[in-house]
Amino acid sequence: MLAPDGTAPALRNQRQYVRNIVLYAMGTKPSLKHLTIGQADKILRAYQVDPAGLWANRRGEPGKNRLTLFTTWSFGILAFLVLCLIPVLGWIGAAVWIVVFVVKMVNRSKRQTYEDMLASTPPPFPAQQYFQEPAAGSQAPAEMLGDPAAGHDGSEPDPSTWPVGPGER
């Protein structure tokens, strides 16, 4: 889904929109720093969300994206400075704020590195081999088919025959 597709890079607000959809569906928020419009479209369709949302509320306009980034950082810096004006407790709060900011930045960087690694390496073996139908004329072993003559009737195994670990006797 995140394979390079040659489409234009998604803007910040578009990436944030896709990240929020994934967070709502999966409970985790991916980094998606190098997301393209085509990849965003595929992700949204996979979660059965209309891709038109990428362009709603002017998410696709560079000017709005710059304004969003500017106001986010401006508010953060202003709040930090106001916090620093409060003696002692404000300084402690500002220090905690910096630590949280650095930890989130490092975690997102690690997550992005992991996502890049996953997107760049092919799977170790093709998934198709697990879903292929048996070739014509081939026979699956009888124990896989639940043949009673092979010693397996398809029912659950008897728990009294299960191996017992130490201390469970």
Protein backbone atom coordinates (compact mmCIF):
# COMPACT_ATOMS: atom_id res chain seq x y z
CA MET A 1 0.00 0.00 0.00
CA LEU A 2 2.93 2.33 0.68
CA ALA A 3 4.89 1.34 -2.41
CA PRO A 4 6.11 4.33 -4.44
CA ASP A 5 3.49 5.26 -7.03
CA GLY A 6 4.85 8.40 -8.69
CA THR A 7 2.05 10.73 -7.54
CA ALA A 8 2.63 14.10 -5.89
CA PRO A 9 3.54 14.19 -2.19
CA ALA A 10 0.64 14.70 0.18
CA LEU A 11 0.63 18.00 2.03
CA ARG A 12 0.84 18.25 5.81
CA ASN A 13 -2.91 18.57 6.42
CA GLN A 14 -3.63 15.70 4.04
CA ARG A 15 -1.12 13.47 5.86
CA GLN A 16 -2.66 14.48 9.18
CA TYR A 17 -6.12 13.59 7.86
CA VAL A 18 -4.97 10.12 6.80
CA ARG A 19 -3.12 9.62 10.11
CA ASN A 20 -6.30 10.47 12.03
CA ILE A 21 -8.36 8.01 9.96
CA VAL A 22 -5.82 5.26 10.70
CA LEU A 23 -5.77 6.24 14.40
CA TYR A 24 -9.55 5.99 14.57
CA ALA A 25 -9.57 2.61 12.85
CA MET A 26 -6.47 0.96 14.34
CA GLY A 27 -5.77 2.76 17.61
CA THR A 28 -2.26 3.76 16.51
CA LYS A 29 -1.09 6.78 14.56
CA PRO A 30 1.51 6.05 11.86
CA SER A 31 4.12 8.61 10.84
CA LEU A 32 3.52 8.67 7.06
CA LYS A 33 6.03 11.49 6.43
CA HIS A 34 6.67 10.46 2.81
CA LEU A 35 3.02 9.80 1.93
CA THR A 36 1.90 10.53 -1.61
CA ILE A 37 -1.59 11.38 -2.84
CA GLY A 38 -1.92 7.95 -4.49
CA GLN A 39 -0.89 6.14 -1.30
CA ALA A 40 -3.28 8.28 0.76
CA ASP A 41 -6.07 7.39 -1.65
CA LYS A 42 -5.29 3.66 -1.29
CA ILE A 43 -5.20 3.88 2.52
CA LEU A 44 -8.51 5.73 2.70
CA ARG A 45 -10.17 3.26 0.33
CA ALA A 46 -8.82 0.37 2.44
CA TYR A 47 -10.60 1.87 5.44
CA GLN A 48 -13.69 2.55 3.31
CA VAL A 49 -13.39 6.34 3.64
CA ASP A 50 -14.13 8.66 0.71
CA PRO A 51 -10.81 10.01 -0.67
CA ALA A 52 -12.54 13.32 -1.42
CA GLY A 53 -11.77 14.14 2.23
CA LEU A 54 -8.16 14.74 1.17
CA TRP A 55 -9.35 17.89 -0.59
CA ALA A 56 -12.15 18.93 1.80
CA ASN A 57 -11.69 22.05 3.95
CA ARG A 58 -8.86 23.21 1.64
CA ARG A 59 -6.50 20.48 2.88
CA GLY A 60 -4.82 20.42 -0.53
CA GLU A 61 -3.91 24.12 -0.60
CA PRO A 62 -0.25 24.90 0.18
CA GLY A 63 -1.18 28.29 1.70
CA LYS A 64 -3.49 26.73 4.28
CA ASN A 65 -0.85 24.14 5.12
CA ARG A 66 1.76 26.85 5.74
CA LEU A 67 -0.71 28.83 7.86
CA THR A 68 -1.55 25.72 9.92
CA LEU A 69 2.14 25.01 10.52
CA PHE A 70 2.84 28.65 11.45
CA THR A 71 -0.06 28.91 13.90
CA THR A 72 0.75 25.56 15.52
CA TRP A 73 4.36 26.54 16.19
CA SER A 74 3.43 30.11 17.17
CA PHE A 75 0.92 28.91 19.75
CA GLY A 76 3.39 26.35 21.11
CA ILE A 77 6.21 28.87 21.47
CA LEU A 78 3.91 31.50 23.00
CA ALA A 79 2.50 29.02 25.53
CA PHE A 80 6.03 27.87 26.37
CA LEU A 81 7.20 31.44 26.98
CA VAL A 82 4.19 32.21 29.19
CA LEU A 83 4.91 29.03 31.15
CA CYS A 84 8.53 30.11 31.62
CA LEU A 85 7.39 33.40 33.22
CA ILE A 86 5.87 31.52 36.17
CA PRO A 87 8.60 31.09 38.82
CA VAL A 88 9.69 27.57 39.81
CA LEU A 89 6.58 25.56 38.84
CA GLY A 90 6.54 27.17 35.40
CA TRP A 91 10.19 26.30 34.86
CA ILE A 92 9.53 22.71 35.90
CA GLY A 93 6.53 22.64 33.57
CA ALA A 94 8.65 24.07 30.75
CA ALA A 95 11.32 21.41 31.34
CA VAL A 96 8.67 18.66 31.25
CA TRP A 97 7.28 20.21 28.07
CA ILE A 98 10.72 20.06 26.41
CA VAL A 99 11.25 16.44 27.49
CA VAL A 100 7.85 15.39 26.15
CA PHE A 101 8.50 17.23 22.88
CA VAL A 102 11.90 15.56 22.39
CA VAL A 103 10.57 12.08 23.26
CA LYS A 104 7.66 12.45 20.81
CA MET A 105 10.03 13.69 18.11
CA VAL A 106 12.41 10.76 18.64
CA ASN A 107 9.57 8.21 18.69
CA ARG A 108 8.07 9.58 15.49
CA SER A 109 11.48 9.50 13.82
CA LYS A 110 11.94 5.85 14.86
CA ARG A 111 8.45 4.98 13.64
CA GLN A 112 9.14 6.69 10.30
CA THR A 113 12.42 4.78 9.94
CA TYR A 114 10.56 1.52 10.62
CA GLU A 115 7.84 2.42 8.07
CA ASP A 116 10.49 3.27 5.47
CA MET A 117 12.22 -0.05 6.11
CA LEU A 118 8.94 -1.95 5.73
CA ALA A 119 8.07 -0.13 2.51
CA SER A 120 11.50 -0.70 0.95
CA THR A 121 11.93 -4.42 1.64
CA PRO A 122 9.87 -7.02 -0.16
CA PRO A 123 8.27 -9.76 1.90
CA PRO A 124 10.61 -12.72 2.47
CA PHE A 125 8.34 -14.99 0.44
CA PRO A 126 5.33 -14.37 -1.76
CA ALA A 127 2.05 -14.52 0.11
CA GLN A 128 0.42 -16.13 -2.91
CA GLN A 129 1.99 -19.49 -2.17
CA TYR A 130 -0.21 -19.83 0.90
CA PHE A 131 -3.42 -19.19 -0.97
CA GLN A 132 -2.92 -21.27 -4.10
CA GLU A 133 -5.26 -24.08 -4.96
CA PRO A 134 -3.65 -27.51 -5.17
CA ALA A 135 -2.51 -28.37 -8.67
CA ALA A 136 -4.76 -30.63 -10.69
CA GLY A 137 -4.07 -34.26 -9.88
CA SER A 138 -2.13 -33.49 -6.68
CA GLN A 139 -3.25 -35.11 -3.48
CA ALA A 140 -3.20 -33.45 -0.08
CA PRO A 141 -2.17 -35.72 2.79
CA ALA A 142 -5.14 -37.53 4.30
CA GLU A 143 -4.50 -36.12 7.78
CA MET A 144 -4.94 -32.60 6.41
CA LEU A 145 -8.30 -33.51 4.94
CA GLY A 146 -9.65 -35.00 8.17
CA ASP A 147 -9.80 -38.56 6.85
CA PRO A 148 -10.78 -40.94 9.70
CA ALA A 149 -8.77 -43.72 8.07
CA ALA A 150 -5.62 -41.63 8.56
CA GLY A 151 -6.17 -41.44 12.32
CA HIS A 152 -7.69 -37.96 12.50
CA ASP A 153 -11.43 -37.46 12.46
CA GLY A 154 -11.38 -33.64 12.41
CA SER A 155 -12.45 -33.32 16.07
CA GLU A 156 -10.51 -31.50 18.75
CA PRO A 157 -7.65 -33.42 20.40
CA ASP A 158 -8.16 -34.94 23.83
CA PRO A 159 -6.69 -32.55 26.46
CA SER A 160 -5.49 -35.48 28.56
CA THR A 161 -2.98 -36.32 25.82
CA TRP A 162 -1.47 -32.82 25.70
CA PRO A 163 2.12 -32.47 26.91
CA VAL A 164 2.38 -31.17 30.45
CA GLY A 165 5.00 -28.63 31.48
CA PRO A 166 6.99 -28.74 34.70
CA GLY A 167 4.94 -27.85 37.77
CA GLU A 168 1.60 -28.54 36.01
CA ARG A 169 1.21 -32.22 37.00
